[in-house]
Amino acid sequence: MPGINDFLTLAERDRQVSMKMEEDFPQPWAVAAAEYHIQQSVEKQLEALILLYGENPEFTHNIVKLTSHCEKLVVTIPECLDDISDTLTLWETSSWYDPFISFTEKKYGKAVQAYDELSRMIGEKRRNSDTRKPINNDRNPARNGISSQYAIRAGVFIFLFSPLSP
């Protein structure tokens, strides 16, 4: 499973794609791509937030399920996200297959606002975390308290004993 930093990097990339697509609004292809990528950016932020609170997120694109998981962890979800979580899920599952999917600038604006508020929440949580207890959710072994020497040995072992590709 990707770690916190992985999810946040991917969320930022998706947000950048959605911003690029905004330049070509109201072209239908730009709207569909922006809907999809803003949903993906919010989804990945929610997954990072769940990891920050010490649990693994469910593998789903359903924003309603991810926000429910956050609420079980006593994480306050931004109101703007609560308002459009169904819409975001619909954008992910339908925007590529349904040319008549519902889009309004107001809903899109709330999605962008949700992204910004989640970014702020994640930043605050990371700043306020107990720095004596590292969060071991990154793929980089050195950041997980695993010595680089062990990681290199494990990598060499995997390399030596993996079947070769034809």
N, C-alpha and C. Protein backbone atom coordinates (compact mmCIF):
# COMPACT_ATOMS: atom_id res chain seq x y z
N MET A 1 0.85 -1.18 0.00
CA MET A 1 0.00 0.00 0.00
C MET A 1 0.89 1.24 0.00
N PRO A 2 0.51 2.23 -0.78
CA PRO A 2 1.28 3.48 -0.77
C PRO A 2 1.27 4.11 0.62
N GLY A 3 2.30 4.89 0.91
CA GLY A 3 2.38 5.58 2.18
C GLY A 3 1.77 6.96 2.10
N ILE A 4 1.82 7.67 3.21
CA ILE A 4 1.24 9.00 3.32
C ILE A 4 1.81 9.93 2.25
N ASN A 5 3.13 10.00 2.16
CA ASN A 5 3.76 10.89 1.19
C ASN A 5 3.41 10.51 -0.24
N ASP A 6 3.29 9.20 -0.49
CA ASP A 6 2.90 8.75 -1.83
C ASP A 6 1.50 9.27 -2.19
N PHE A 7 0.56 9.08 -1.26
CA PHE A 7 -0.81 9.54 -1.52
C PHE A 7 -0.84 11.06 -1.72
N LEU A 8 -0.09 11.79 -0.92
CA LEU A 8 -0.11 13.25 -1.03
C LEU A 8 0.53 13.72 -2.34
N THR A 9 1.58 13.05 -2.76
CA THR A 9 2.21 13.39 -4.05
C THR A 9 1.24 13.14 -5.19
N LEU A 10 0.57 11.99 -5.15
CA LEU A 10 -0.40 11.67 -6.21
C LEU A 10 -1.59 12.62 -6.18
N ALA A 11 -2.03 13.00 -4.98
CA ALA A 11 -3.14 13.96 -4.87
C ALA A 11 -2.77 15.29 -5.50
N GLU A 12 -1.57 15.74 -5.24
CA GLU A 12 -1.11 17.01 -5.81
C GLU A 12 -1.03 16.93 -7.34
N ARG A 13 -0.56 15.81 -7.85
CA ARG A 13 -0.49 15.63 -9.31
C ARG A 13 -1.89 15.69 -9.93
N ASP A 14 -2.84 15.00 -9.31
CA ASP A 14 -4.21 15.03 -9.82
C ASP A 14 -4.78 16.43 -9.76
N ARG A 15 -4.48 17.15 -8.70
CA ARG A 15 -4.98 18.53 -8.60
C ARG A 15 -4.38 19.40 -9.70
N GLN A 16 -3.11 19.20 -9.99
CA GLN A 16 -2.47 19.98 -11.05
C GLN A 16 -3.12 19.68 -12.41
N VAL A 17 -3.45 18.42 -12.66
CA VAL A 17 -4.13 18.08 -13.91
C VAL A 17 -5.49 18.76 -13.98
N SER A 18 -6.23 18.72 -12.87
CA SER A 18 -7.56 19.36 -12.88
C SER A 18 -7.44 20.87 -13.12
N MET A 19 -6.41 21.50 -12.55
CA MET A 19 -6.21 22.94 -12.79
C MET A 19 -5.89 23.21 -14.26
N LYS A 20 -5.10 22.34 -14.86
CA LYS A 20 -4.77 22.50 -16.28
C LYS A 20 -6.02 22.37 -17.13
N MET A 21 -6.90 21.45 -16.78
CA MET A 21 -8.14 21.26 -17.53
C MET A 21 -9.08 22.45 -17.39
N GLU A 22 -9.02 23.13 -16.24
CA GLU A 22 -9.87 24.30 -16.03
C GLU A 22 -9.63 25.37 -17.10
N GLU A 23 -8.43 25.40 -17.64
CA GLU A 23 -8.09 26.38 -18.67
C GLU A 23 -8.95 26.21 -19.92
N ASP A 24 -9.45 25.00 -20.14
CA ASP A 24 -10.24 24.71 -21.34
C ASP A 24 -11.72 24.50 -21.07
N PHE A 25 -12.18 24.90 -19.88
CA PHE A 25 -13.63 24.86 -19.62
C PHE A 25 -14.31 25.79 -20.59
N PRO A 26 -15.43 25.58 -21.12
CA PRO A 26 -16.41 24.52 -20.86
C PRO A 26 -16.33 23.36 -21.84
N GLN A 27 -15.18 23.13 -22.47
CA GLN A 27 -15.06 21.99 -23.38
C GLN A 27 -15.42 20.70 -22.63
N PRO A 28 -16.29 19.87 -23.18
CA PRO A 28 -16.75 18.66 -22.47
C PRO A 28 -15.61 17.74 -22.04
N TRP A 29 -14.58 17.59 -22.88
CA TRP A 29 -13.47 16.72 -22.52
C TRP A 29 -12.68 17.29 -21.34
N ALA A 30 -12.58 18.61 -21.27
CA ALA A 30 -11.85 19.24 -20.16
C ALA A 30 -12.65 19.11 -18.86
N VAL A 31 -13.95 19.28 -18.95
CA VAL A 31 -14.81 19.14 -17.76
C VAL A 31 -14.73 17.71 -17.23
N ALA A 32 -14.85 16.72 -18.13
CA ALA A 32 -14.80 15.32 -17.70
C ALA A 32 -13.46 14.98 -17.04
N ALA A 33 -12.37 15.45 -17.63
CA ALA A 33 -11.05 15.18 -17.06
C ALA A 33 -10.88 15.89 -15.72
N ALA A 34 -11.34 17.12 -15.63
CA ALA A 34 -11.21 17.87 -14.38
C ALA A 34 -12.03 17.21 -13.27
N GLU A 35 -13.26 16.77 -13.59
CA GLU A 35 -14.10 16.09 -12.60
C GLU A 35 -13.38 14.87 -12.04
N TYR A 36 -12.87 14.07 -12.94
CA TYR A 36 -12.19 12.84 -12.55
C TYR A 36 -10.98 13.15 -11.67
N HIS A 37 -10.14 14.09 -12.09
CA HIS A 37 -8.89 14.34 -11.37
C HIS A 37 -9.10 15.07 -10.04
N ILE A 38 -10.12 15.92 -9.94
CA ILE A 38 -10.37 16.55 -8.63
C ILE A 38 -10.90 15.48 -7.66
N GLN A 39 -11.70 14.55 -8.17
CA GLN A 39 -12.18 13.45 -7.32
C GLN A 39 -10.99 12.62 -6.84
N GLN A 40 -10.08 12.30 -7.77
CA GLN A 40 -8.92 11.50 -7.39
C GLN A 40 -8.05 12.22 -6.36
N SER A 41 -7.90 13.51 -6.50
CA SER A 41 -7.06 14.26 -5.55
C SER A 41 -7.68 14.24 -4.15
N VAL A 42 -9.00 14.39 -4.06
CA VAL A 42 -9.67 14.35 -2.76
C VAL A 42 -9.60 12.94 -2.19
N GLU A 43 -9.83 11.94 -3.03
CA GLU A 43 -9.76 10.54 -2.58
C GLU A 43 -8.40 10.23 -1.96
N LYS A 44 -7.34 10.63 -2.62
CA LYS A 44 -5.99 10.33 -2.13
C LYS A 44 -5.66 11.11 -0.86
N GLN A 45 -6.21 12.30 -0.74
CA GLN A 45 -6.01 13.04 0.52
C GLN A 45 -6.73 12.33 1.67
N LEU A 46 -7.92 11.84 1.43
CA LEU A 46 -8.65 11.12 2.49
C LEU A 46 -7.89 9.86 2.88
N GLU A 47 -7.32 9.16 1.91
CA GLU A 47 -6.54 7.97 2.22
C GLU A 47 -5.30 8.33 3.04
N ALA A 48 -4.64 9.42 2.71
CA ALA A 48 -3.49 9.88 3.49
C ALA A 48 -3.92 10.25 4.90
N LEU A 49 -5.06 10.90 5.04
CA LEU A 49 -5.57 11.30 6.34
C LEU A 49 -5.86 10.08 7.22
N ILE A 50 -6.44 9.05 6.62
CA ILE A 50 -6.71 7.81 7.37
C ILE A 50 -5.39 7.19 7.83
N LEU A 51 -4.39 7.18 6.97
CA LEU A 51 -3.07 6.66 7.37
C LEU A 51 -2.48 7.50 8.51
N LEU A 52 -2.64 8.82 8.43
CA LEU A 52 -2.13 9.69 9.49
C LEU A 52 -2.74 9.36 10.85
N TYR A 53 -3.95 8.88 10.84
CA TYR A 53 -4.63 8.52 12.09
C TYR A 53 -4.40 7.05 12.46
N GLY A 54 -3.47 6.40 11.77
CA GLY A 54 -3.02 5.07 12.18
C GLY A 54 -3.79 3.90 11.63
N GLU A 55 -4.64 4.10 10.65
CA GLU A 55 -5.37 2.97 10.07
C GLU A 55 -5.12 2.91 8.57
N ASN A 56 -5.44 1.77 8.00
CA ASN A 56 -5.31 1.61 6.56
C ASN A 56 -6.64 1.90 5.90
N PRO A 57 -6.62 2.68 4.83
CA PRO A 57 -7.87 2.97 4.14
C PRO A 57 -8.35 1.77 3.33
N GLU A 58 -9.65 1.70 3.17
CA GLU A 58 -10.25 0.68 2.32
C GLU A 58 -9.88 0.99 0.88
N PHE A 59 -9.71 -0.04 0.06
CA PHE A 59 -9.44 0.18 -1.35
C PHE A 59 -10.77 0.47 -2.04
N THR A 60 -11.06 1.74 -2.23
CA THR A 60 -12.31 2.15 -2.85
C THR A 60 -12.15 3.54 -3.46
N HIS A 61 -13.00 3.82 -4.43
CA HIS A 61 -13.07 5.17 -4.99
C HIS A 61 -14.27 5.91 -4.41
N ASN A 62 -14.97 5.28 -3.50
CA ASN A 62 -16.19 5.83 -2.93
C ASN A 62 -15.85 6.84 -1.84
N ILE A 63 -16.08 8.10 -2.13
CA ILE A 63 -15.76 9.18 -1.19
C ILE A 63 -16.63 9.09 0.06
N VAL A 64 -17.86 8.64 -0.09
CA VAL A 64 -18.75 8.49 1.07
C VAL A 64 -18.15 7.49 2.06
N LYS A 65 -17.65 6.37 1.56
CA LYS A 65 -17.04 5.36 2.44
C LYS A 65 -15.78 5.91 3.12
N LEU A 66 -14.97 6.64 2.35
CA LEU A 66 -13.73 7.18 2.93
C LEU A 66 -14.03 8.26 3.98
N THR A 67 -15.02 9.11 3.72
CA THR A 67 -15.37 10.12 4.73
C THR A 67 -15.97 9.46 5.97
N SER A 68 -16.74 8.39 5.79
CA SER A 68 -17.28 7.65 6.94
C SER A 68 -16.16 7.06 7.79
N HIS A 69 -15.13 6.54 7.11
CA HIS A 69 -13.97 6.00 7.83
C HIS A 69 -13.30 7.11 8.65
N CYS A 70 -13.15 8.28 8.04
CA CYS A 70 -12.56 9.42 8.76
C CYS A 70 -13.40 9.80 9.97
N GLU A 71 -14.70 9.82 9.80
CA GLU A 71 -15.58 10.19 10.91
C GLU A 71 -15.50 9.19 12.05
N LYS A 72 -15.29 7.90 11.73
CA LYS A 72 -15.11 6.88 12.78
C LYS A 72 -13.82 7.13 13.56
N LEU A 73 -12.86 7.78 12.92
CA LEU A 73 -11.60 8.13 13.58
C LEU A 73 -11.70 9.48 14.28
N VAL A 74 -12.89 10.03 14.33
CA VAL A 74 -13.18 11.33 14.94
C VAL A 74 -12.43 12.45 14.22
N VAL A 75 -12.39 12.35 12.90
CA VAL A 75 -11.82 13.39 12.07
C VAL A 75 -12.98 14.21 11.52
N THR A 76 -12.94 15.51 11.74
CA THR A 76 -14.00 16.38 11.24
C THR A 76 -13.79 16.61 9.75
N ILE A 77 -14.78 16.23 8.99
CA ILE A 77 -14.72 16.37 7.54
C ILE A 77 -15.22 17.76 7.16
N PRO A 78 -14.55 18.45 6.24
CA PRO A 78 -15.04 19.76 5.82
C PRO A 78 -16.49 19.68 5.32
N GLU A 79 -17.29 20.65 5.70
CA GLU A 79 -18.70 20.65 5.33
C GLU A 79 -18.89 20.62 3.82
N CYS A 80 -18.04 21.34 3.11
CA CYS A 80 -18.15 21.36 1.64
C CYS A 80 -17.97 19.96 1.06
N LEU A 81 -17.13 19.13 1.69
CA LEU A 81 -16.92 17.77 1.22
C LEU A 81 -18.13 16.91 1.54
N ASP A 82 -18.67 17.10 2.73
CA ASP A 82 -19.86 16.35 3.12
C ASP A 82 -21.00 16.63 2.14
N ASP A 83 -21.08 17.86 1.65
CA ASP A 83 -22.14 18.26 0.72
C ASP A 83 -22.04 17.56 -0.64
N ILE A 84 -20.82 17.23 -1.07
CA ILE A 84 -20.64 16.73 -2.44
C ILE A 84 -19.98 15.36 -2.53
N SER A 85 -19.89 14.62 -1.43
CA SER A 85 -19.20 13.33 -1.48
C SER A 85 -19.86 12.37 -2.46
N ASP A 86 -21.20 12.37 -2.53
CA ASP A 86 -21.89 11.52 -3.52
C ASP A 86 -21.53 11.94 -4.94
N THR A 87 -21.50 13.25 -5.17
CA THR A 87 -21.19 13.77 -6.50
C THR A 87 -19.77 13.38 -6.91
N LEU A 88 -18.83 13.50 -5.99
CA LEU A 88 -17.45 13.14 -6.32
C LEU A 88 -17.34 11.66 -6.69
N THR A 89 -18.03 10.82 -5.95
CA THR A 89 -18.01 9.38 -6.26
C THR A 89 -18.60 9.15 -7.65
N LEU A 90 -19.67 9.83 -7.96
CA LEU A 90 -20.29 9.71 -9.28
C LEU A 90 -19.34 10.18 -10.38
N TRP A 91 -18.62 11.28 -10.13
CA TRP A 91 -17.67 11.78 -11.12
C TRP A 91 -16.60 10.73 -11.42
N GLU A 92 -16.14 10.02 -10.41
CA GLU A 92 -15.09 9.03 -10.63
C GLU A 92 -15.64 7.84 -11.41
N THR A 93 -16.82 7.39 -11.04
CA THR A 93 -17.34 6.16 -11.65
C THR A 93 -18.00 6.39 -13.00
N SER A 94 -18.46 7.60 -13.27
CA SER A 94 -19.26 7.82 -14.47
C SER A 94 -18.70 8.83 -15.47
N SER A 95 -17.78 9.68 -15.06
CA SER A 95 -17.38 10.78 -15.94
C SER A 95 -16.78 10.31 -17.26
N TRP A 96 -16.17 9.13 -17.27
CA TRP A 96 -15.56 8.65 -18.51
C TRP A 96 -16.56 7.91 -19.40
N TYR A 97 -17.70 7.50 -18.83
CA TYR A 97 -18.62 6.66 -19.58
C TYR A 97 -19.97 7.32 -19.86
N ASP A 98 -20.29 8.38 -19.17
CA ASP A 98 -21.57 9.04 -19.33
C ASP A 98 -21.34 10.48 -19.79
N PRO A 99 -21.61 10.76 -21.06
CA PRO A 99 -21.34 12.11 -21.55
C PRO A 99 -22.29 13.17 -20.99
N PHE A 100 -23.31 12.75 -20.27
CA PHE A 100 -24.29 13.70 -19.75
C PHE A 100 -24.25 13.80 -18.23
N ILE A 101 -23.11 13.48 -17.65
CA ILE A 101 -22.98 13.53 -16.19
C ILE A 101 -23.18 14.96 -15.70
N SER A 102 -23.79 15.08 -14.55
CA SER A 102 -24.12 16.38 -13.98
C SER A 102 -22.85 17.13 -13.55
N PHE A 103 -22.73 18.35 -14.04
CA PHE A 103 -21.61 19.19 -13.67
C PHE A 103 -22.12 20.61 -13.46
N THR A 104 -21.73 21.18 -12.33
CA THR A 104 -21.98 22.61 -12.13
C THR A 104 -20.70 23.21 -11.58
N GLU A 105 -20.49 24.46 -11.90
CA GLU A 105 -19.30 25.13 -11.37
C GLU A 105 -19.35 25.21 -9.85
N LYS A 106 -20.55 25.30 -9.29
CA LYS A 106 -20.69 25.36 -7.83
C LYS A 106 -20.17 24.06 -7.19
N LYS A 107 -20.57 22.92 -7.75
CA LYS A 107 -20.10 21.63 -7.21
C LYS A 107 -18.59 21.49 -7.39
N TYR A 108 -18.12 21.90 -8.54
CA TYR A 108 -16.69 21.81 -8.80
C TYR A 108 -15.92 22.71 -7.82
N GLY A 109 -16.46 23.90 -7.59
CA GLY A 109 -15.85 24.83 -6.64
C GLY A 109 -15.79 24.24 -5.23
N LYS A 110 -16.85 23.53 -4.85
CA LYS A 110 -16.84 22.87 -3.53
C LYS A 110 -15.79 21.77 -3.47
N ALA A 111 -15.60 21.07 -4.58
CA ALA A 111 -14.57 20.02 -4.62
C ALA A 111 -13.18 20.63 -4.45
N VAL A 112 -12.95 21.75 -5.12
CA VAL A 112 -11.66 22.45 -4.98
C VAL A 112 -11.50 22.94 -3.54
N GLN A 113 -12.56 23.48 -2.96
CA GLN A 113 -12.52 23.94 -1.58
C GLN A 113 -12.22 22.77 -0.64
N ALA A 114 -12.83 21.62 -0.89
CA ALA A 114 -12.58 20.42 -0.07
C ALA A 114 -11.11 20.03 -0.16
N TYR A 115 -10.55 20.06 -1.37
CA TYR A 115 -9.13 19.75 -1.54
C TYR A 115 -8.27 20.69 -0.71
N ASP A 116 -8.56 21.98 -0.79
CA ASP A 116 -7.78 22.98 -0.05
C ASP A 116 -7.91 22.78 1.46
N GLU A 117 -9.13 22.52 1.93
CA GLU A 117 -9.33 22.33 3.38
C GLU A 117 -8.68 21.05 3.87
N LEU A 118 -8.75 19.99 3.08
CA LEU A 118 -8.08 18.75 3.47
C LEU A 118 -6.56 18.95 3.51
N SER A 119 -6.02 19.70 2.55
CA SER A 119 -4.58 20.00 2.56
C SER A 119 -4.19 20.70 3.85
N ARG A 120 -4.99 21.68 4.25
CA ARG A 120 -4.72 22.41 5.48
C ARG A 120 -4.80 21.46 6.69
N MET A 121 -5.85 20.63 6.74
CA MET A 121 -6.02 19.69 7.86
C MET A 121 -4.84 18.73 7.97
N ILE A 122 -4.42 18.19 6.84
CA ILE A 122 -3.31 17.24 6.82
C ILE A 122 -2.03 17.92 7.28
N GLY A 123 -1.78 19.13 6.80
CA GLY A 123 -0.60 19.89 7.23
C GLY A 123 -0.60 20.12 8.72
N GLU A 124 -1.75 20.51 9.28
CA GLU A 124 -1.84 20.74 10.72
C GLU A 124 -1.62 19.46 11.49
N LYS A 125 -2.22 18.37 11.04
CA LYS A 125 -2.06 17.08 11.73
C LYS A 125 -0.60 16.65 11.72
N ARG A 126 0.06 16.85 10.61
CA ARG A 126 1.47 16.46 10.52
C ARG A 126 2.34 17.33 11.42
N ARG A 127 2.04 18.62 11.48
CA ARG A 127 2.83 19.52 12.35
C ARG A 127 2.59 19.21 13.83
N ASN A 128 1.38 18.80 14.17
CA ASN A 128 1.03 18.57 15.57
C ASN A 128 1.28 17.14 16.03
N SER A 129 1.72 16.27 15.14
CA SER A 129 1.97 14.88 15.51
C SER A 129 3.16 14.80 16.45
N ASP A 130 3.16 13.79 17.27
CA ASP A 130 4.27 13.54 18.18
C ASP A 130 5.48 13.14 17.34
N THR A 131 6.48 13.98 17.30
CA THR A 131 7.64 13.72 16.46
C THR A 131 8.52 12.59 17.00
N ARG A 132 8.29 12.17 18.26
CA ARG A 132 9.07 11.07 18.80
C ARG A 132 8.58 9.73 18.28
N LYS A 133 7.35 9.69 17.75
CA LYS A 133 6.79 8.46 17.22
C LYS A 133 6.61 8.62 15.71
N PRO A 134 7.57 8.14 14.92
CA PRO A 134 7.44 8.30 13.47
C PRO A 134 6.25 7.53 12.93
N ILE A 135 5.64 8.07 11.91
CA ILE A 135 4.54 7.39 11.24
C ILE A 135 5.17 6.53 10.15
N ASN A 136 5.05 5.23 10.29
CA ASN A 136 5.74 4.31 9.39
C ASN A 136 4.87 3.90 8.22
N ASN A 137 4.51 4.87 7.41
CA ASN A 137 3.65 4.58 6.27
C ASN A 137 4.27 4.98 4.96
N ASP A 138 5.57 5.14 4.91
CA ASP A 138 6.22 5.47 3.66
C ASP A 138 6.93 4.24 3.12
N ARG A 139 7.05 4.17 1.82
CA ARG A 139 7.73 3.04 1.19
C ARG A 139 9.23 3.07 1.41
N ASN A 140 9.78 4.25 1.62
CA ASN A 140 11.22 4.39 1.78
C ASN A 140 11.64 3.72 3.09
N PRO A 141 12.41 2.63 3.04
CA PRO A 141 12.76 1.91 4.26
C PRO A 141 13.50 2.76 5.27
N ALA A 142 14.32 3.70 4.81
CA ALA A 142 15.08 4.54 5.74
C ALA A 142 14.14 5.39 6.58
N ARG A 143 12.99 5.83 5.99
CA ARG A 143 12.04 6.63 6.74
C ARG A 143 11.19 5.76 7.66
N ASN A 144 11.24 4.45 7.46
CA ASN A 144 10.45 3.55 8.29
C ASN A 144 11.25 2.94 9.42
N GLY A 145 12.43 3.42 9.64
CA GLY A 145 13.24 2.89 10.72
C GLY A 145 13.98 1.61 10.34
N ILE A 146 13.93 1.21 9.08
CA ILE A 146 14.64 0.03 8.61
C ILE A 146 15.99 0.53 8.09
N SER A 147 17.04 -0.10 8.53
CA SER A 147 18.35 0.38 8.09
C SER A 147 18.49 0.20 6.59
N SER A 148 19.20 1.12 5.97
CA SER A 148 19.39 1.03 4.53
C SER A 148 20.18 -0.22 4.17
N GLN A 149 21.06 -0.66 5.08
CA GLN A 149 21.82 -1.87 4.81
C GLN A 149 20.88 -3.08 4.71
N TYR A 150 19.90 -3.16 5.60
CA TYR A 150 18.93 -4.25 5.54
C TYR A 150 18.09 -4.16 4.27
N ALA A 151 17.68 -2.96 3.92
CA ALA A 151 16.86 -2.77 2.72
C ALA A 151 17.63 -3.17 1.47
N ILE A 152 18.92 -2.83 1.43
CA ILE A 152 19.73 -3.21 0.27
C ILE A 152 19.87 -4.72 0.21
N ARG A 153 20.12 -5.36 1.36
CA ARG A 153 20.23 -6.82 1.38
C ARG A 153 18.93 -7.47 0.92
N ALA A 154 17.81 -6.95 1.39
CA ALA A 154 16.51 -7.50 0.99
C ALA A 154 16.30 -7.31 -0.51
N GLY A 155 16.70 -6.15 -1.03
CA GLY A 155 16.57 -5.88 -2.46
C GLY A 155 17.43 -6.81 -3.29
N VAL A 156 18.67 -7.06 -2.85
CA VAL A 156 19.56 -7.97 -3.55
C VAL A 156 18.98 -9.37 -3.51
N PHE A 157 18.46 -9.79 -2.37
CA PHE A 157 17.86 -11.11 -2.23
C PHE A 157 16.70 -11.27 -3.21
N ILE A 158 15.84 -10.28 -3.25
CA ILE A 158 14.69 -10.35 -4.16
C ILE A 158 15.17 -10.41 -5.60
N PHE A 159 16.18 -9.59 -5.92
CA PHE A 159 16.71 -9.57 -7.28
C PHE A 159 17.31 -10.93 -7.65
N LEU A 160 18.12 -11.50 -6.75
CA LEU A 160 18.81 -12.76 -7.05
C LEU A 160 17.85 -13.94 -7.17
N PHE A 161 16.78 -13.91 -6.41
CA PHE A 161 15.90 -15.08 -6.37
C PHE A 161 14.57 -14.85 -7.07
N SER A 162 14.46 -13.80 -7.86
CA SER A 162 13.25 -13.57 -8.65
C SER A 162 13.42 -14.23 -10.01
N PRO A 163 12.33 -14.80 -10.53
CA PRO A 163 12.45 -15.38 -11.88
C PRO A 163 12.73 -14.29 -12.92
N LEU A 164 13.54 -14.61 -13.87
CA LEU A 164 13.86 -13.65 -14.91
C LEU A 164 12.72 -13.57 -15.91
N SER A 165 12.51 -12.40 -16.44
CA SER A 165 11.48 -12.23 -17.47
C SER A 165 11.96 -12.83 -18.77
N PRO A 166 11.03 -13.39 -19.57
CA PRO A 166 11.46 -13.99 -20.85
C PRO A 166 11.88 -12.92 -21.84
